Every structure is written in C-alpha cells, then in structure tokens.
Amino acid sequence: MSIRLASSCSHCEAFSSGKMCKVHDLKVSEDYVCDRFSIIPKLDSARHCGNCSRHNADSCAHPNTAAEGMLCASWAPQA
C-alpha cells in the first residue's frame, strides 16, 4: 500500500487562516478534500514543537519524541 499526501484543505494553497476556501468561498475544515486542490509548495518550518500549544501537554500526539524544532502534522497554534 502506498502512502500519499491527502488532497485535503490543510495542504491546499486556497485554505485561509479563517478556515475559508478561497476557491469555493465556503467555510471548510482540514478534513475536507477537493478536486481543485492546489498543494502548498513547501513545508512551513514555523510550525514546530517549540511554538505548539500541545508541546509538553497531555494532548501532544508524540510526547516521547517531541523536541524543539521538530515539525509535526498535529501542530496547534499557541493562544
């Protein structure tokens, strides 16, 4: 079985910070998928354990491996 990056909103250039799709002009979530998906061309290195609200918390997806500078798909912004 192959592993692929999903054509989901969280990986799409049209996904805005307000969880709006700029293409469809609809409120969406990271779980939505779309045929008009346009992948973000690079990884966002600003999303790392050091500035994640889940780091060193019970909600951390990888508590045994999380470290400063580590990139993670479960990253959450600090409030």
PDB file of N, CA and C in Angstrom:
ATOM      1  N   MET A   1       0.838  -1.169   0.000  1.00  0.00           N
ATOM      2  CA  MET A   1       0.000   0.000   0.000  1.00  0.00           C
ATOM      3  C   MET A   1       0.891   1.243   0.000  1.00  0.00           C
ATOM      4  N   SER A   2       0.547   2.210  -0.851  1.00  0.00           N
ATOM      5  CA  SER A   2       1.303   3.453  -0.929  1.00  0.00           C
ATOM      6  C   SER A   2       0.817   4.454   0.110  1.00  0.00           C
ATOM      7  N   ILE A   3       1.719   5.330   0.517  1.00  0.00           N
ATOM      8  CA  ILE A   3       1.363   6.426   1.413  1.00  0.00           C
ATOM      9  C   ILE A   3       1.374   7.693   0.582  1.00  0.00           C
ATOM     10  N   ARG A   4       0.288   8.465   0.656  1.00  0.00           N
ATOM     11  CA  ARG A   4       0.170   9.685  -0.131  1.00  0.00           C
ATOM     12  C   ARG A   4      -0.285  10.852   0.746  1.00  0.00           C
ATOM     13  N   LEU A   5       0.038  12.045   0.317  1.00  0.00           N
ATOM     14  CA  LEU A   5      -0.466  13.246   0.958  1.00  0.00           C
ATOM     15  C   LEU A   5      -1.893  13.449   0.475  1.00  0.00           C
ATOM     16  N   ALA A   6      -2.837  13.577   1.374  1.00  0.00           N
ATOM     17  CA  ALA A   6      -4.236  13.753   1.004  1.00  0.00           C
ATOM     18  C   ALA A   6      -4.459  15.105   0.341  1.00  0.00           C
ATOM     19  N   SER A   7      -5.409  15.149  -0.565  1.00  0.00           N
ATOM     20  CA  SER A   7      -5.790  16.403  -1.212  1.00  0.00           C
ATOM     21  C   SER A   7      -6.726  17.176  -0.285  1.00  0.00           C
ATOM     22  N   SER A   8      -6.296  17.357   0.953  1.00  0.00           N
ATOM     23  CA  SER A   8      -7.156  17.989   1.950  1.00  0.00           C
ATOM     24  C   SER A   8      -6.864  19.481   2.063  1.00  0.00           C
ATOM     25  N   CYS A   9      -7.803  20.181   2.652  1.00  0.00           N
ATOM     26  CA  CYS A   9      -7.689  21.634   2.780  1.00  0.00           C
ATOM     27  C   CYS A   9      -6.429  22.066   3.525  1.00  0.00           C
ATOM     28  N   SER A  10      -5.987  21.301   4.500  1.00  0.00           N
ATOM     29  CA  SER A  10      -4.821  21.719   5.280  1.00  0.00           C
ATOM     30  C   SER A  10      -3.539  21.750   4.460  1.00  0.00           C
ATOM     31  N   HIS A  11      -3.512  21.079   3.305  1.00  0.00           N
ATOM     32  CA  HIS A  11      -2.340  21.072   2.432  1.00  0.00           C
ATOM     33  C   HIS A  11      -2.548  21.921   1.182  1.00  0.00           C
ATOM     34  N   CYS A  12      -3.615  22.722   1.147  1.00  0.00           N
ATOM     35  CA  CYS A  12      -4.003  23.465  -0.055  1.00  0.00           C
ATOM     36  C   CYS A  12      -3.713  24.958   0.073  1.00  0.00           C
ATOM     37  N   GLU A  13      -3.257  25.561  -1.011  1.00  0.00           N
ATOM     38  CA  GLU A  13      -2.967  26.999  -1.021  1.00  0.00           C
ATOM     39  C   GLU A  13      -4.224  27.849  -0.834  1.00  0.00           C
ATOM     40  N   ALA A  14      -5.393  27.310  -1.176  1.00  0.00           N
ATOM     41  CA  ALA A  14      -6.642  28.078  -1.092  1.00  0.00           C
ATOM     42  C   ALA A  14      -7.254  28.087   0.308  1.00  0.00           C
ATOM     43  N   PHE A  15      -6.642  27.376   1.264  1.00  0.00           N
ATOM     44  CA  PHE A  15      -7.157  27.299   2.639  1.00  0.00           C
ATOM     45  C   PHE A  15      -6.661  28.505   3.418  1.00  0.00           C
ATOM     46  N   SER A  16      -7.561  29.376   3.833  1.00  0.00           N
ATOM     47  CA  SER A  16      -7.160  30.592   4.541  1.00  0.00           C
ATOM     48  C   SER A  16      -7.121  30.365   6.049  1.00  0.00           C
ATOM     49  N   SER A  17      -6.514  31.298   6.764  1.00  0.00           N
ATOM     50  CA  SER A  17      -6.402  31.177   8.217  1.00  0.00           C
ATOM     51  C   SER A  17      -7.770  31.196   8.899  1.00  0.00           C
ATOM     52  N   GLY A  18      -8.779  31.760   8.247  1.00  0.00           N
ATOM     53  CA  GLY A  18     -10.130  31.779   8.796  1.00  0.00           C
ATOM     54  C   GLY A  18     -10.924  30.541   8.439  1.00  0.00           C
ATOM     55  N   LYS A  19     -10.213  29.487   7.981  1.00  0.00           N
ATOM     56  CA  LYS A  19     -10.823  28.219   7.565  1.00  0.00           C
ATOM     57  C   LYS A  19     -11.842  28.407   6.442  1.00  0.00           C
ATOM     58  N   MET A  20     -11.511  29.340   5.547  1.00  0.00           N
ATOM     59  CA  MET A  20     -12.341  29.569   4.372  1.00  0.00           C
ATOM     60  C   MET A  20     -11.588  29.090   3.136  1.00  0.00           C
ATOM     61  N   CYS A  21     -12.312  28.487   2.212  1.00  0.00           N
ATOM     62  CA  CYS A  21     -11.729  28.094   0.934  1.00  0.00           C
ATOM     63  C   CYS A  21     -11.834  29.290  -0.004  1.00  0.00           C
ATOM     64  N   LYS A  22     -10.696  29.769  -0.501  1.00  0.00           N
ATOM     65  CA  LYS A  22     -10.677  30.924  -1.394  1.00  0.00           C
ATOM     66  C   LYS A  22     -11.236  30.572  -2.772  1.00  0.00           C
ATOM     67  N   VAL A  23     -11.219  29.296  -3.150  1.00  0.00           N
ATOM     68  CA  VAL A  23     -11.732  28.865  -4.449  1.00  0.00           C
ATOM     69  C   VAL A  23     -13.250  28.735  -4.421  1.00  0.00           C
ATOM     70  N   HIS A  24     -13.774  28.063  -3.391  1.00  0.00           N
ATOM     71  CA  HIS A  24     -15.208  27.784  -3.305  1.00  0.00           C
ATOM     72  C   HIS A  24     -15.977  28.806  -2.463  1.00  0.00           C
ATOM     73  N   ASP A  25     -15.248  29.683  -1.760  1.00  0.00           N
ATOM     74  CA  ASP A  25     -15.842  30.684  -0.887  1.00  0.00           C
ATOM     75  C   ASP A  25     -16.798  30.047   0.126  1.00  0.00           C
ATOM     76  N   LEU A  26     -16.292  28.983   0.779  1.00  0.00           N
ATOM     77  CA  LEU A  26     -17.044  28.244   1.793  1.00  0.00           C
ATOM     78  C   LEU A  26     -16.187  28.037   3.026  1.00  0.00           C
ATOM     79  N   LYS A  27     -16.830  27.936   4.187  1.00  0.00           N
ATOM     80  CA  LYS A  27     -16.122  27.586   5.412  1.00  0.00           C
ATOM     81  C   LYS A  27     -15.855  26.078   5.366  1.00  0.00           C
ATOM     82  N   VAL A  28     -14.608  25.672   5.553  1.00  0.00           N
ATOM     83  CA  VAL A  28     -14.197  24.273   5.460  1.00  0.00           C
ATOM     84  C   VAL A  28     -13.340  23.900   6.661  1.00  0.00           C
ATOM     85  N   SER A  29     -12.935  22.640   6.739  1.00  0.00           N
ATOM     86  CA  SER A  29     -12.019  22.199   7.789  1.00  0.00           C
ATOM     87  C   SER A  29     -10.860  21.467   7.127  1.00  0.00           C
ATOM     88  N   GLU A  30      -9.868  21.092   7.947  1.00  0.00           N
ATOM     89  CA  GLU A  30      -8.698  20.382   7.440  1.00  0.00           C
ATOM     90  C   GLU A  30      -9.058  19.014   6.885  1.00  0.00           C
ATOM     91  N   ASP A  31     -10.215  18.479   7.243  1.00  0.00           N
ATOM     92  CA  ASP A  31     -10.623  17.131   6.834  1.00  0.00           C
ATOM     93  C   ASP A  31     -11.278  17.080   5.452  1.00  0.00           C
ATOM     94  N   TYR A  32     -11.643  18.226   4.893  1.00  0.00           N
ATOM     95  CA  TYR A  32     -12.293  18.244   3.590  1.00  0.00           C
ATOM     96  C   TYR A  32     -11.278  17.915   2.493  1.00  0.00           C
ATOM     97  N   VAL A  33     -11.764  17.328   1.389  1.00  0.00           N
ATOM     98  CA  VAL A  33     -10.941  17.075   0.204  1.00  0.00           C
ATOM     99  C   VAL A  33     -11.655  17.667  -1.001  1.00  0.00           C
ATOM    100  N   CYS A  34     -10.893  17.912  -2.077  1.00  0.00           N
ATOM    101  CA  CYS A  34     -11.444  18.634  -3.212  1.00  0.00           C
ATOM    102  C   CYS A  34     -10.674  18.310  -4.489  1.00  0.00           C
ATOM    103  N   ASP A  35     -11.374  18.289  -5.624  1.00  0.00           N
ATOM    104  CA  ASP A  35     -10.730  18.045  -6.920  1.00  0.00           C
ATOM    105  C   ASP A  35      -9.956  19.264  -7.411  1.00  0.00           C
ATOM    106  N   ARG A  36     -10.190  20.426  -6.829  1.00  0.00           N
ATOM    107  CA  ARG A  36      -9.486  21.642  -7.235  1.00  0.00           C
ATOM    108  C   ARG A  36      -8.355  21.975  -6.260  1.00  0.00           C
ATOM    109  N   PHE A  37      -7.889  20.966  -5.558  1.00  0.00           N
ATOM    110  CA  PHE A  37      -6.796  21.055  -4.591  1.00  0.00           C
ATOM    111  C   PHE A  37      -5.519  21.576  -5.268  1.00  0.00           C
ATOM    112  N   SER A  38      -4.835  22.505  -4.616  1.00  0.00           N
ATOM    113  CA  SER A  38      -3.565  23.056  -5.099  1.00  0.00           C
ATOM    114  C   SER A  38      -2.576  23.021  -3.935  1.00  0.00           C
ATOM    115  N   ILE A  39      -1.616  22.094  -3.990  1.00  0.00           N
ATOM    116  CA  ILE A  39      -0.731  21.846  -2.850  1.00  0.00           C
ATOM    117  C   ILE A  39       0.138  23.054  -2.496  1.00  0.00           C
ATOM    118  N   ILE A  40       0.338  23.261  -1.215  1.00  0.00           N
ATOM    119  CA  ILE A  40       1.270  24.273  -0.727  1.00  0.00           C
ATOM    120  C   ILE A  40       2.663  23.810  -1.158  1.00  0.00           C
ATOM    121  N   PRO A  41       3.425  24.632  -1.867  1.00  0.00           N
ATOM    122  CA  PRO A  41       4.686  24.173  -2.459  1.00  0.00           C
ATOM    123  C   PRO A  41       5.839  23.886  -1.504  1.00  0.00           C
ATOM    124  N   LYS A  42       5.720  24.221  -0.220  1.00  0.00           N
ATOM    125  CA  LYS A  42       6.823  23.967   0.710  1.00  0.00           C
ATOM    126  C   LYS A  42       6.278  23.691   2.101  1.00  0.00           C
ATOM    127  N   LEU A  43       7.086  23.054   2.921  1.00  0.00           N
ATOM    128  CA  LEU A  43       6.728  22.830   4.318  1.00  0.00           C
ATOM    129  C   LEU A  43       6.834  24.138   5.082  1.00  0.00           C
ATOM    130  N   ASP A  44       5.978  24.340   6.027  1.00  0.00           N
ATOM    131  CA  ASP A  44       6.018  25.528   6.871  1.00  0.00           C
ATOM    132  C   ASP A  44       6.870  25.208   8.090  1.00  0.00           C
ATOM    133  N   SER A  45       8.108  25.659   8.070  1.00  0.00           N
ATOM    134  CA  SER A  45       9.030  25.340   9.161  1.00  0.00           C
ATOM    135  C   SER A  45       8.741  26.142  10.424  1.00  0.00           C
ATOM    136  N   ALA A  46       7.762  27.045  10.380  1.00  0.00           N
ATOM    137  CA  ALA A  46       7.408  27.813  11.568  1.00  0.00           C
ATOM    138  C   ALA A  46       6.548  26.998  12.523  1.00  0.00           C
ATOM    139  N   ARG A  47       6.049  25.853  12.081  1.00  0.00           N
ATOM    140  CA  ARG A  47       5.184  25.007  12.905  1.00  0.00           C
ATOM    141  C   ARG A  47       6.015  23.893  13.532  1.00  0.00           C
ATOM    142  N   HIS A  48       6.591  24.166  14.678  1.00  0.00           N
ATOM    143  CA  HIS A  48       7.451  23.191  15.343  1.00  0.00           C
ATOM    144  C   HIS A  48       7.062  23.068  16.814  1.00  0.00           C
ATOM    145  N   CYS A  49       7.601  22.066  17.469  1.00  0.00           N
ATOM    146  CA  CYS A  49       7.250  21.789  18.872  1.00  0.00           C
ATOM    147  C   CYS A  49       7.436  22.995  19.782  1.00  0.00           C
ATOM    148  N   GLY A  50       8.446  23.792  19.524  1.00  0.00           N
ATOM    149  CA  GLY A  50       8.743  24.927  20.389  1.00  0.00           C
ATOM    150  C   GLY A  50       7.648  25.969  20.448  1.00  0.00           C
ATOM    151  N   ASN A  51       6.793  26.051  19.413  1.00  0.00           N
ATOM    152  CA  ASN A  51       5.717  27.033  19.441  1.00  0.00           C
ATOM    153  C   ASN A  51       4.339  26.371  19.280  1.00  0.00           C
ATOM    154  N   CYS A  52       4.249  25.117  19.699  1.00  0.00           N
ATOM    155  CA  CYS A  52       2.996  24.359  19.635  1.00  0.00           C
ATOM    156  C   CYS A  52       2.303  24.377  21.000  1.00  0.00           C
ATOM    157  N   SER A  53       1.003  24.613  20.995  1.00  0.00           N
ATOM    158  CA  SER A  53       0.271  24.650  22.267  1.00  0.00           C
ATOM    159  C   SER A  53       0.158  23.269  22.907  1.00  0.00           C
ATOM    160  N   ARG A  54       0.386  22.212  22.130  1.00  0.00           N
ATOM    161  CA  ARG A  54       0.293  20.844  22.658  1.00  0.00           C
ATOM    162  C   ARG A  54       1.616  20.322  23.220  1.00  0.00           C
ATOM    163  N   HIS A  55       2.720  21.017  22.972  1.00  0.00           N
ATOM    164  CA  HIS A  55       4.032  20.553  23.420  1.00  0.00           C
ATOM    165  C   HIS A  55       4.071  20.456  24.948  1.00  0.00           C
ATOM    166  N   ASN A  56       4.512  19.316  25.450  1.00  0.00           N
ATOM    167  CA  ASN A  56       4.568  19.007  26.888  1.00  0.00           C
ATOM    168  C   ASN A  56       3.193  18.997  27.552  1.00  0.00           C
ATOM    169  N   ALA A  57       2.146  18.759  26.769  1.00  0.00           N
ATOM    170  CA  ALA A  57       0.784  18.676  27.308  1.00  0.00           C
ATOM    171  C   ALA A  57       0.231  17.276  27.048  1.00  0.00           C
ATOM    172  N   ASP A  58      -0.832  16.926  27.735  1.00  0.00           N
ATOM    173  CA  ASP A  58      -1.454  15.610  27.553  1.00  0.00           C
ATOM    174  C   ASP A  58      -1.971  15.403  26.129  1.00  0.00           C
ATOM    175  N   SER A  59      -2.269  16.489  25.416  1.00  0.00           N
ATOM    176  CA  SER A  59      -2.806  16.378  24.058  1.00  0.00           C
ATOM    177  C   SER A  59      -1.743  16.218  22.980  1.00  0.00           C
ATOM    178  N   CYS A  60      -0.462  16.197  23.350  1.00  0.00           N
ATOM    179  CA  CYS A  60       0.623  16.014  22.381  1.00  0.00           C
ATOM    180  C   CYS A  60       0.522  14.634  21.740  1.00  0.00           C
ATOM    181  N   ALA A  61       0.559  14.598  20.397  1.00  0.00           N
ATOM    182  CA  ALA A  61       0.438  13.338  19.665  1.00  0.00           C
ATOM    183  C   ALA A  61       1.686  12.465  19.792  1.00  0.00           C
ATOM    184  N   HIS A  62       2.835  13.064  20.078  1.00  0.00           N
ATOM    185  CA  HIS A  62       4.107  12.331  20.147  1.00  0.00           C
ATOM    186  C   HIS A  62       4.911  12.742  21.384  1.00  0.00           C
ATOM    187  N   PRO A  63       4.391  12.510  22.577  1.00  0.00           N
ATOM    188  CA  PRO A  63       5.056  13.010  23.793  1.00  0.00           C
ATOM    189  C   PRO A  63       6.456  12.438  24.025  1.00  0.00           C
ATOM    190  N   ASN A  64       6.742  11.252  23.522  1.00  0.00           N
ATOM    191  CA  ASN A  64       8.058  10.637  23.751  1.00  0.00           C
ATOM    192  C   ASN A  64       9.119  11.095  22.764  1.00  0.00           C
ATOM    193  N   THR A  65       8.704  11.713  21.662  1.00  0.00           N
ATOM    194  CA  THR A  65       9.674  12.134  20.651  1.00  0.00           C
ATOM    195  C   THR A  65       9.665  13.624  20.368  1.00  0.00           C
ATOM    196  N   ALA A  66       8.672  14.351  20.860  1.00  0.00           N
ATOM    197  CA  ALA A  66       8.570  15.790  20.597  1.00  0.00           C
ATOM    198  C   ALA A  66       9.804  16.518  21.120  1.00  0.00           C
ATOM    199  N   ALA A  67      10.349  17.406  20.269  1.00  0.00           N
ATOM    200  CA  ALA A  67      11.550  18.148  20.645  1.00  0.00           C
ATOM    201  C   ALA A  67      11.566  19.495  19.933  1.00  0.00           C
ATOM    202  N   GLU A  68      12.292  20.430  20.486  1.00  0.00           N
ATOM    203  CA  GLU A  68      12.436  21.759  19.885  1.00  0.00           C
ATOM    204  C   GLU A  68      12.857  21.629  18.417  1.00  0.00           C
ATOM    205  N   GLY A  69      12.155  22.329  17.522  1.00  0.00           N
ATOM    206  CA  GLY A  69      12.493  22.313  16.106  1.00  0.00           C
ATOM    207  C   GLY A  69      11.849  21.197  15.308  1.00  0.00           C
ATOM    208  N   MET A  70      11.239  20.217  15.970  1.00  0.00           N
ATOM    209  CA  MET A  70      10.599  19.095  15.255  1.00  0.00           C
ATOM    210  C   MET A  70       9.300  19.562  14.599  1.00  0.00           C
ATOM    211  N   LEU A  71       9.115  19.238  13.314  1.00  0.00           N
ATOM    212  CA  LEU A  71       7.893  19.550  12.605  1.00  0.00           C
ATOM    213  C   LEU A  71       6.889  18.436  12.820  1.00  0.00           C
ATOM    214  N   CYS A  72       5.598  18.762  12.881  1.00  0.00           N
ATOM    215  CA  CYS A  72       4.586  17.774  13.203  1.00  0.00           C
ATOM    216  C   CYS A  72       3.262  18.136  12.543  1.00  0.00           C
ATOM    217  N   ALA A  73       2.554  17.138  12.024  1.00  0.00           N
ATOM    218  CA  ALA A  73       1.233  17.364  11.422  1.00  0.00           C
ATOM    219  C   ALA A  73       0.176  17.641  12.462  1.00  0.00           C
ATOM    220  N   SER A  74       0.452  17.413  13.737  1.00  0.00           N
ATOM    221  CA  SER A  74      -0.520  17.662  14.810  1.00  0.00           C
ATOM    222  C   SER A  74      -0.283  18.992  15.504  1.00  0.00           C
ATOM    223  N   TRP A  75       0.515  19.848  14.904  1.00  0.00           N
ATOM    224  CA  TRP A  75       0.862  21.150  15.481  1.00  0.00           C
ATOM    225  C   TRP A  75      -0.397  21.982  15.713  1.00  0.00           C
ATOM    226  N   ALA A  76      -0.434  22.742  16.790  1.00  0.00           N
ATOM    227  CA  ALA A  76      -1.544  23.644  17.098  1.00  0.00           C
ATOM    228  C   ALA A  76      -0.989  24.983  17.550  1.00  0.00           C
ATOM    229  N   PRO A  77      -1.572  26.074  17.077  1.00  0.00           N
ATOM    230  CA  PRO A  77      -1.049  27.404  17.451  1.00  0.00           C
ATOM    231  C   PRO A  77      -1.237  27.707  18.931  1.00  0.00           C
ATOM    232  N   GLN A  78      -0.342  28.505  19.469  1.00  0.00           N
ATOM    233  CA  GLN A  78      -0.472  28.944  20.855  1.00  0.00           C
ATOM    234  C   GLN A  78      -1.443  30.116  20.900  1.00  0.00           C
ATOM    235  N   ALA A  79      -2.314  30.102  21.883  1.00  0.00           N
ATOM    236  CA  ALA A  79      -3.316  31.187  22.002  1.00  0.00           C
ATOM    237  C   ALA A  79      -2.727  32.418  22.621  1.00  0.00           C
TER     238      ALA A  79
END
